[in-house]
């Protein structure tokens, strides 16, 4: 009898935990951190190029800030290293690019500046299109192919982050959420032989 009571004492919580695991959706615990996806390397006749995009970059707080007219800038870092047998890799290219979105509340349009791609900002009325422009990098030239040696090993390192926003002191109280308004991806590495 005593054994049965002890068994009940442990069995009921175990059944409850199993029931919760079955009822609560798995995606409730999913990690919604910003990540880089669809990373690709390509080349033209003359240059090594990269393509990638950021997922989960626009949180509710960032969406709210952009739609309130606060300019938002994403920075992308791409480094190319020559790797090999030595302990130290040699950095041969280091690129930093930025994309900035601004919302004009009077015209109800988004302006996205990507100086690495176009000299003039792209303009749209669609927030979804503006977010796509902000998070996609394509045809980014890394290095001329003439600077690479056939048969040598290389590594591309890519990272994205939201630039910190500095507001006037009086607005810090209004936009208290800015401290929760940042992201930074891990470094993503691609090894290849040219």
C-alpha atoms as a PDB file:
ATOM      1  CA  UNK A   1       0.000   0.000   0.000  1.00  0.00           C
ATOM      2  CA  UNK A   2       2.789   2.382   0.904  1.00  0.00           C
ATOM      3  CA  UNK A   3       4.505   1.612  -2.399  1.00  0.00           C
ATOM      4  CA  UNK A   4       1.298   2.384  -4.290  1.00  0.00           C
ATOM      5  CA  UNK A   5       1.011   5.803  -2.581  1.00  0.00           C
ATOM      6  CA  UNK A   6       4.605   6.635  -3.448  1.00  0.00           C
ATOM      7  CA  UNK A   7       4.007   5.552  -7.030  1.00  0.00           C
ATOM      8  CA  UNK A   8       0.915   7.813  -7.241  1.00  0.00           C
ATOM      9  CA  UNK A   9       2.955  10.684  -5.829  1.00  0.00           C
ATOM     10  CA  UNK A  10       5.416  10.470  -8.734  1.00  0.00           C
ATOM     11  CA  UNK A  11       3.062   9.182 -11.422  1.00  0.00           C
ATOM     12  CA  UNK A  12       0.598  12.095 -11.381  1.00  0.00           C
ATOM     13  CA  UNK A  13       3.239  14.806 -11.933  1.00  0.00           C
ATOM     14  CA  UNK A  14       4.809  12.687 -14.665  1.00  0.00           C
ATOM     15  CA  UNK A  15       1.447  12.306 -16.427  1.00  0.00           C
ATOM     16  CA  UNK A  16       0.882  16.064 -16.111  1.00  0.00           C
ATOM     17  CA  UNK A  17       4.285  16.841 -17.654  1.00  0.00           C
ATOM     18  CA  UNK A  18       3.625  14.447 -20.543  1.00  0.00           C
ATOM     19  CA  UNK A  19       0.186  16.007 -21.085  1.00  0.00           C
ATOM     20  CA  UNK A  20       1.675  19.536 -21.157  1.00  0.00           C
ATOM     21  CA  UNK A  21       4.320  18.415 -23.646  1.00  0.00           C
ATOM     22  CA  UNK A  22       1.587  17.073 -25.933  1.00  0.00           C
ATOM     23  CA  UNK A  23      -0.723  20.083 -25.639  1.00  0.00           C
ATOM     24  CA  UNK A  24       1.698  23.030 -25.738  1.00  0.00           C
ATOM     25  CA  UNK A  25       2.851  23.784 -29.284  1.00  0.00           C
ATOM     26  CA  UNK A  26       6.501  23.093 -29.931  1.00  0.00           C
ATOM     27  CA  UNK A  27       7.029  26.419 -31.664  1.00  0.00           C
ATOM     28  CA  UNK A  28       6.210  28.201 -28.402  1.00  0.00           C
ATOM     29  CA  UNK A  29       9.743  27.379 -27.282  1.00  0.00           C
ATOM     30  CA  UNK A  30      11.334  27.964 -30.693  1.00  0.00           C
ATOM     31  CA  UNK A  31      14.256  30.326 -30.847  1.00  0.00           C
ATOM     32  CA  UNK A  32      13.274  33.523 -32.675  1.00  0.00           C
ATOM     33  CA  UNK A  33      16.725  35.056 -32.785  1.00  0.00           C
ATOM     34  CA  UNK A  34      17.917  36.690 -35.974  1.00  0.00           C
ATOM     35  CA  UNK A  35      19.785  34.247 -38.202  1.00  0.00           C
ATOM     36  CA  UNK A  36      21.476  34.324 -41.589  1.00  0.00           C
ATOM     37  CA  UNK A  37      20.015  31.987 -44.217  1.00  0.00           C
ATOM     38  CA  UNK A  38      20.434  31.182 -47.898  1.00  0.00           C
ATOM     39  CA  UNK A  39      24.133  32.038 -47.840  1.00  0.00           C
ATOM     40  CA  UNK A  40      25.664  31.511 -51.260  1.00  0.00           C
ATOM     41  CA  UNK A  41      28.955  32.237 -52.957  1.00  0.00           C
ATOM     42  CA  UNK A  42      29.179  32.850 -56.672  1.00  0.00           C
ATOM     43  CA  UNK A  43      31.494  34.509 -59.100  1.00  0.00           C
ATOM     44  CA  UNK A  44      31.411  36.545 -62.226  1.00  0.00           C
ATOM     45  CA  UNK A  45      34.256  36.432 -64.666  1.00  0.00           C
ATOM     46  CA  UNK A  46      36.096  38.969 -62.492  1.00  0.00           C
ATOM     47  CA  UNK A  47      34.765  38.945 -58.897  1.00  0.00           C
ATOM     48  CA  UNK A  48      33.779  36.700 -55.983  1.00  0.00           C
ATOM     49  CA  UNK A  49      30.207  37.503 -54.861  1.00  0.00           C
ATOM     50  CA  UNK A  50      28.004  36.575 -51.916  1.00  0.00           C
ATOM     51  CA  UNK A  51      24.259  36.405 -51.347  1.00  0.00           C
ATOM     52  CA  UNK A  52      22.428  35.983 -48.029  1.00  0.00           C
ATOM     53  CA  UNK A  53      19.433  37.119 -46.035  1.00  0.00           C
ATOM     54  CA  UNK A  54      18.523  37.705 -42.398  1.00  0.00           C
ATOM     55  CA  UNK A  55      15.484  36.032 -40.846  1.00  0.00           C
ATOM     56  CA  UNK A  56      13.738  37.192 -37.659  1.00  0.00           C
ATOM     57  CA  UNK A  57      15.380  40.623 -37.843  1.00  0.00           C
ATOM     58  CA  UNK A  58      12.175  42.597 -37.460  1.00  0.00           C
ATOM     59  CA  UNK A  59      10.756  42.107 -33.990  1.00  0.00           C
ATOM     60  CA  UNK A  60       7.519  43.758 -32.868  1.00  0.00           C
ATOM     61  CA  UNK A  61       9.542  46.506 -31.176  1.00  0.00           C
ATOM     62  CA  UNK A  62      11.581  47.217 -34.306  1.00  0.00           C
ATOM     63  CA  UNK A  63       8.408  47.249 -36.432  1.00  0.00           C
ATOM     64  CA  UNK A  64       6.840  49.714 -34.004  1.00  0.00           C
ATOM     65  CA  UNK A  65       9.892  51.965 -34.012  1.00  0.00           C
ATOM     66  CA  UNK A  66      10.169  52.026 -37.820  1.00  0.00           C
ATOM     67  CA  UNK A  67       6.471  52.799 -38.208  1.00  0.00           C
ATOM     68  CA  UNK A  68       6.896  55.652 -35.722  1.00  0.00           C
ATOM     69  CA  UNK A  69       9.496  57.195 -38.042  1.00  0.00           C
ATOM     70  CA  UNK A  70      12.703  56.162 -36.274  1.00  0.00           C
ATOM     71  CA  UNK A  71      15.428  55.438 -38.884  1.00  0.00           C
ATOM     72  CA  UNK A  72      16.701  51.887 -38.488  1.00  0.00           C
ATOM     73  CA  UNK A  73      20.033  50.622 -39.799  1.00  0.00           C
ATOM     74  CA  UNK A  74      21.285  47.069 -40.243  1.00  0.00           C
ATOM     75  CA  UNK A  75      25.019  46.503 -40.615  1.00  0.00           C
ATOM     76  CA  UNK A  76      26.442  43.505 -42.440  1.00  0.00           C
ATOM     77  CA  UNK A  77      30.035  42.350 -42.003  1.00  0.00           C
ATOM     78  CA  UNK A  78      31.761  40.098 -44.520  1.00  0.00           C
ATOM     79  CA  UNK A  79      35.379  39.038 -44.090  1.00  0.00           C
ATOM     80  CA  UNK A  80      37.465  36.782 -46.300  1.00  0.00           C
ATOM     81  CA  UNK A  81      40.392  34.878 -44.814  1.00  0.00           C
ATOM     82  CA  UNK A  82      43.041  32.775 -46.461  1.00  0.00           C
ATOM     83  CA  UNK A  83      43.286  29.614 -44.390  1.00  0.00           C
ATOM     84  CA  UNK A  84      45.772  26.813 -44.468  1.00  0.00           C
ATOM     85  CA  UNK A  85      48.239  24.918 -42.374  1.00  0.00           C
ATOM     86  CA  UNK A  86      49.368  27.860 -40.266  1.00  0.00           C
ATOM     87  CA  UNK A  87      47.784  28.653 -36.910  1.00  0.00           C
ATOM     88  CA  UNK A  88      46.782  32.146 -38.011  1.00  0.00           C
ATOM     89  CA  UNK A  89      44.398  32.892 -40.851  1.00  0.00           C
ATOM     90  CA  UNK A  90      45.231  35.899 -43.010  1.00  0.00           C
ATOM     91  CA  UNK A  91      42.433  38.422 -43.570  1.00  0.00           C
ATOM     92  CA  UNK A  92      42.424  39.472 -47.230  1.00  0.00           C
ATOM     93  CA  UNK A  93      39.072  41.307 -47.455  1.00  0.00           C
ATOM     94  CA  UNK A  94      36.951  43.114 -44.891  1.00  0.00           C
ATOM     95  CA  UNK A  95      33.627  44.636 -45.911  1.00  0.00           C
ATOM     96  CA  UNK A  96      31.001  46.510 -43.899  1.00  0.00           C
ATOM     97  CA  UNK A  97      27.771  47.561 -45.574  1.00  0.00           C
ATOM     98  CA  UNK A  98      24.638  49.173 -44.193  1.00  0.00           C
ATOM     99  CA  UNK A  99      20.955  49.237 -45.077  1.00  0.00           C
ATOM    100  CA  UNK A 100      18.726  51.926 -43.556  1.00  0.00           C
ATOM    101  CA  UNK A 101      14.936  52.169 -43.575  1.00  0.00           C
ATOM    102  CA  UNK A 102      13.060  55.402 -42.870  1.00  0.00           C
ATOM    103  CA  UNK A 103       9.302  55.805 -42.769  1.00  0.00           C
ATOM    104  CA  UNK A 104       7.785  59.092 -43.901  1.00  0.00           C
ATOM    105  CA  UNK A 105       4.574  59.328 -41.886  1.00  0.00           C
ATOM    106  CA  UNK A 106       3.189  62.168 -44.032  1.00  0.00           C
ATOM    107  CA  UNK A 107       3.670  60.395 -47.376  1.00  0.00           C
ATOM    108  CA  UNK A 108       3.113  56.953 -45.805  1.00  0.00           C
ATOM    109  CA  UNK A 109       6.099  55.481 -47.641  1.00  0.00           C
ATOM    110  CA  UNK A 110       9.268  53.641 -46.704  1.00  0.00           C
ATOM    111  CA  UNK A 111      12.653  54.672 -48.046  1.00  0.00           C
ATOM    112  CA  UNK A 112      15.451  52.086 -47.977  1.00  0.00           C
ATOM    113  CA  UNK A 113      19.040  53.212 -48.548  1.00  0.00           C
ATOM    114  CA  UNK A 114      21.536  50.569 -49.619  1.00  0.00           C
ATOM    115  CA  UNK A 115      24.551  52.585 -50.723  1.00  0.00           C
ATOM    116  CA  UNK A 116      26.456  49.389 -51.524  1.00  0.00           C
ATOM    117  CA  UNK A 117      23.804  48.580 -54.133  1.00  0.00           C
ATOM    118  CA  UNK A 118      22.183  51.810 -55.359  1.00  0.00           C
ATOM    119  CA  UNK A 119      23.019  55.457 -54.963  1.00  0.00           C
ATOM    120  CA  UNK A 120      19.367  56.477 -54.639  1.00  0.00           C
ATOM    121  CA  UNK A 121      17.089  55.093 -51.914  1.00  0.00           C
ATOM    122  CA  UNK A 122      14.381  52.683 -53.028  1.00  0.00           C
ATOM    123  CA  UNK A 123      10.865  53.830 -52.085  1.00  0.00           C
ATOM    124  CA  UNK A 124       7.760  51.727 -51.448  1.00  0.00           C
ATOM    125  CA  UNK A 125       4.392  51.928 -49.682  1.00  0.00           C
ATOM    126  CA  UNK A 126       4.729  48.298 -48.577  1.00  0.00           C
ATOM    127  CA  UNK A 127       6.384  47.632 -45.229  1.00  0.00           C
ATOM    128  CA  UNK A 128       6.897  43.979 -46.242  1.00  0.00           C
ATOM    129  CA  UNK A 129       8.801  45.038 -49.361  1.00  0.00           C
ATOM    130  CA  UNK A 130      10.914  47.479 -47.336  1.00  0.00           C
ATOM    131  CA  UNK A 131      11.745  44.710 -44.839  1.00  0.00           C
ATOM    132  CA  UNK A 132      12.747  42.415 -47.701  1.00  0.00           C
ATOM    133  CA  UNK A 133      15.097  45.076 -49.084  1.00  0.00           C
ATOM    134  CA  UNK A 134      16.565  45.575 -45.621  1.00  0.00           C
ATOM    135  CA  UNK A 135      17.301  41.905 -44.970  1.00  0.00           C
ATOM    136  CA  UNK A 136      18.527  40.660 -48.353  1.00  0.00           C
ATOM    137  CA  UNK A 137      22.054  41.103 -49.638  1.00  0.00           C
ATOM    138  CA  UNK A 138      22.744  40.074 -53.218  1.00  0.00           C
ATOM    139  CA  UNK A 139      25.590  40.500 -55.666  1.00  0.00           C
ATOM    140  CA  UNK A 140      27.909  41.824 -52.967  1.00  0.00           C
ATOM    141  CA  UNK A 141      31.436  41.924 -54.409  1.00  0.00           C
ATOM    142  CA  UNK A 142      33.946  40.496 -51.948  1.00  0.00           C
ATOM    143  CA  UNK A 143      37.213  40.460 -53.883  1.00  0.00           C
ATOM    144  CA  UNK A 144      38.512  40.338 -57.451  1.00  0.00           C
ATOM    145  CA  UNK A 145      39.232  36.742 -58.494  1.00  0.00           C
ATOM    146  CA  UNK A 146      42.736  37.771 -59.554  1.00  0.00           C
ATOM    147  CA  UNK A 147      43.562  38.157 -55.830  1.00  0.00           C
ATOM    148  CA  UNK A 148      42.774  34.487 -55.121  1.00  0.00           C
ATOM    149  CA  UNK A 149      45.188  31.625 -55.748  1.00  0.00           C
ATOM    150  CA  UNK A 150      43.874  28.470 -57.439  1.00  0.00           C
ATOM    151  CA  UNK A 151      43.942  25.492 -55.084  1.00  0.00           C
ATOM    152  CA  UNK A 152      44.245  27.622 -51.906  1.00  0.00           C
ATOM    153  CA  UNK A 153      41.743  27.376 -49.041  1.00  0.00           C
ATOM    154  CA  UNK A 154      39.625  30.319 -47.922  1.00  0.00           C
ATOM    155  CA  UNK A 155      36.937  31.114 -45.377  1.00  0.00           C
ATOM    156  CA  UNK A 156      34.133  33.670 -45.613  1.00  0.00           C
ATOM    157  CA  UNK A 157      32.754  35.004 -42.296  1.00  0.00           C
ATOM    158  CA  UNK A 158      29.406  36.831 -42.334  1.00  0.00           C
ATOM    159  CA  UNK A 159      27.511  38.574 -39.550  1.00  0.00           C
ATOM    160  CA  UNK A 160      24.548  40.991 -39.298  1.00  0.00           C
ATOM    161  CA  UNK A 161      23.470  43.348 -36.541  1.00  0.00           C
ATOM    162  CA  UNK A 162      21.135  46.216 -35.824  1.00  0.00           C
ATOM    163  CA  UNK A 163      22.955  49.482 -35.247  1.00  0.00           C
ATOM    164  CA  UNK A 164      22.342  50.987 -31.834  1.00  0.00           C
ATOM    165  CA  UNK A 165      20.019  53.966 -31.838  1.00  0.00           C
ATOM    166  CA  UNK A 166      20.990  57.103 -29.954  1.00  0.00           C
ATOM    167  CA  UNK A 167      17.976  59.196 -29.069  1.00  0.00           C
ATOM    168  CA  UNK A 168      17.906  62.623 -27.463  1.00  0.00           C
ATOM    169  CA  UNK A 169      17.678  62.291 -23.684  1.00  0.00           C
ATOM    170  CA  UNK A 170      14.089  63.531 -23.571  1.00  0.00           C
ATOM    171  CA  UNK A 171      12.948  60.716 -25.894  1.00  0.00           C
ATOM    172  CA  UNK A 172      14.489  57.927 -23.817  1.00  0.00           C
ATOM    173  CA  UNK A 173      11.404  57.977 -21.597  1.00  0.00           C
ATOM    174  CA  UNK A 174       9.025  57.860 -24.549  1.00  0.00           C
ATOM    175  CA  UNK A 175      10.914  55.075 -26.329  1.00  0.00           C
ATOM    176  CA  UNK A 176      11.776  52.969 -23.303  1.00  0.00           C
ATOM    177  CA  UNK A 177      11.699  49.832 -25.461  1.00  0.00           C
ATOM    178  CA  UNK A 178      14.897  50.787 -27.330  1.00  0.00           C
ATOM    179  CA  UNK A 179      16.989  48.813 -24.843  1.00  0.00           C
ATOM    180  CA  UNK A 180      15.178  45.668 -26.007  1.00  0.00           C
ATOM    181  CA  UNK A 181      15.512  46.695 -29.618  1.00  0.00           C
ATOM    182  CA  UNK A 182      18.624  45.047 -30.913  1.00  0.00           C
ATOM    183  CA  UNK A 183      19.828  41.916 -32.615  1.00  0.00           C
ATOM    184  CA  UNK A 184      23.116  40.437 -33.607  1.00  0.00           C
ATOM    185  CA  UNK A 185      23.610  37.184 -35.465  1.00  0.00           C
ATOM    186  CA  UNK A 186      26.401  34.750 -34.833  1.00  0.00           C
ATOM    187  CA  UNK A 187      29.294  34.651 -37.278  1.00  0.00           C
ATOM    188  CA  UNK A 188      28.508  32.290 -40.145  1.00  0.00           C
ATOM    189  CA  UNK A 189      31.487  30.561 -41.745  1.00  0.00           C
ATOM    190  CA  UNK A 190      31.880  29.097 -45.221  1.00  0.00           C
ATOM    191  CA  UNK A 191      35.065  27.219 -46.104  1.00  0.00           C
ATOM    192  CA  UNK A 192      35.968  26.769 -49.750  1.00  0.00           C
ATOM    193  CA  UNK A 193      38.854  26.008 -52.050  1.00  0.00           C
ATOM    194  CA  UNK A 194      39.302  28.264 -55.048  1.00  0.00           C
END
